[in-house]
Protein backbone atom coordinates (compact mmCIF):
# COMPACT_ATOMS: atom_id res chain seq x y z
CA MET A 1 220.99 -83.51 52.51
CA PRO A 2 219.43 -85.52 55.32
CA VAL A 3 215.93 -84.73 56.55
CA VAL A 4 215.04 -86.19 59.93
CA PHE A 5 211.43 -86.42 61.08
CA VAL A 6 210.83 -86.69 64.82
CA GLU A 7 207.32 -87.43 66.03
CA MET A 8 206.71 -87.42 69.77
CA TRP A 9 204.10 -86.58 72.33
CA GLU A 10 203.64 -82.89 72.96
CA GLY A 11 204.97 -81.37 76.16
CA ARG A 12 208.69 -80.80 75.54
CA THR A 13 210.07 -77.31 76.10
CA ILE A 14 211.76 -75.24 73.42
CA GLU A 15 215.07 -75.83 75.25
CA GLN A 16 214.57 -79.61 75.11
CA LYS A 17 213.80 -79.42 71.39
CA LYS A 18 216.94 -77.35 70.84
CA GLN A 19 219.00 -79.97 72.67
CA LEU A 20 217.43 -82.72 70.57
CA ALA A 21 218.18 -80.87 67.33
CA GLU A 22 221.77 -80.24 68.39
CA GLY A 23 222.26 -83.91 69.29
CA ILE A 24 220.83 -85.19 66.02
CA THR A 25 222.90 -82.71 64.03
CA SER A 26 226.04 -83.69 65.96
CA SER A 27 225.47 -87.35 65.09
CA PHE A 28 225.39 -86.50 61.40
CA GLU A 29 228.50 -84.33 61.73
CA LYS A 30 230.35 -87.35 63.17
CA ILE A 31 229.79 -89.22 59.91
CA GLY A 32 230.96 -86.32 57.77
CA VAL A 33 227.71 -84.49 56.99
CA PRO A 34 228.00 -80.69 57.23
CA LYS A 35 225.65 -79.35 59.89
CA GLU A 36 224.35 -76.70 57.50
CA VAL A 37 222.53 -79.33 55.42
CA VAL A 38 220.88 -81.29 58.24
CA GLN A 39 217.17 -80.57 58.43
CA ILE A 40 215.05 -81.70 61.37
CA ILE A 41 211.28 -81.54 61.50
CA ILE A 42 209.75 -82.02 64.95
CA LYS A 43 206.07 -82.82 65.16
CA ASP A 44 204.34 -82.70 68.53
CA ASN A 45 201.36 -85.02 68.77
CA PRO A 46 198.72 -84.91 71.47
CA LYS A 47 198.44 -88.23 73.28
CA HIS A 48 194.82 -88.61 72.17
CA ASN A 49 196.08 -88.80 68.56
CA TRP A 50 198.47 -91.69 69.33
CA ALA A 51 197.52 -95.28 70.12
CA ILE A 52 199.53 -98.16 71.54
CA GLY A 53 198.17 -101.68 71.63
CA GLY A 54 194.71 -100.49 70.64
CA LYS A 55 194.46 -97.91 73.42
CA LEU A 56 194.88 -94.18 73.16
CA ALA A 57 198.10 -93.04 74.77
CA SER A 58 196.08 -90.46 76.71
CA GLU A 59 194.28 -93.35 78.43
CA LYS A 60 197.30 -95.58 78.78
CA PHE A 61 199.55 -92.79 80.08
CA PRO A 62 197.30 -90.16 81.69
CA GLU A 63 198.72 -86.85 82.81
CA LYS A 64 200.02 -86.86 86.36
């Protein structure tokens, strides 16, 4: 049974996460994996806990 971990910056809506889960599951179904066994774990990370090129993402990509 596949387990997919998705780590991303926080801020997506529940509806967006549902769409993401459906899309990932659909991709596995296309290669013959039953949707009932696909597990997806979504972890929302605050930008201040993520760094790119030595800079915190919260500094590099401030809120608009």
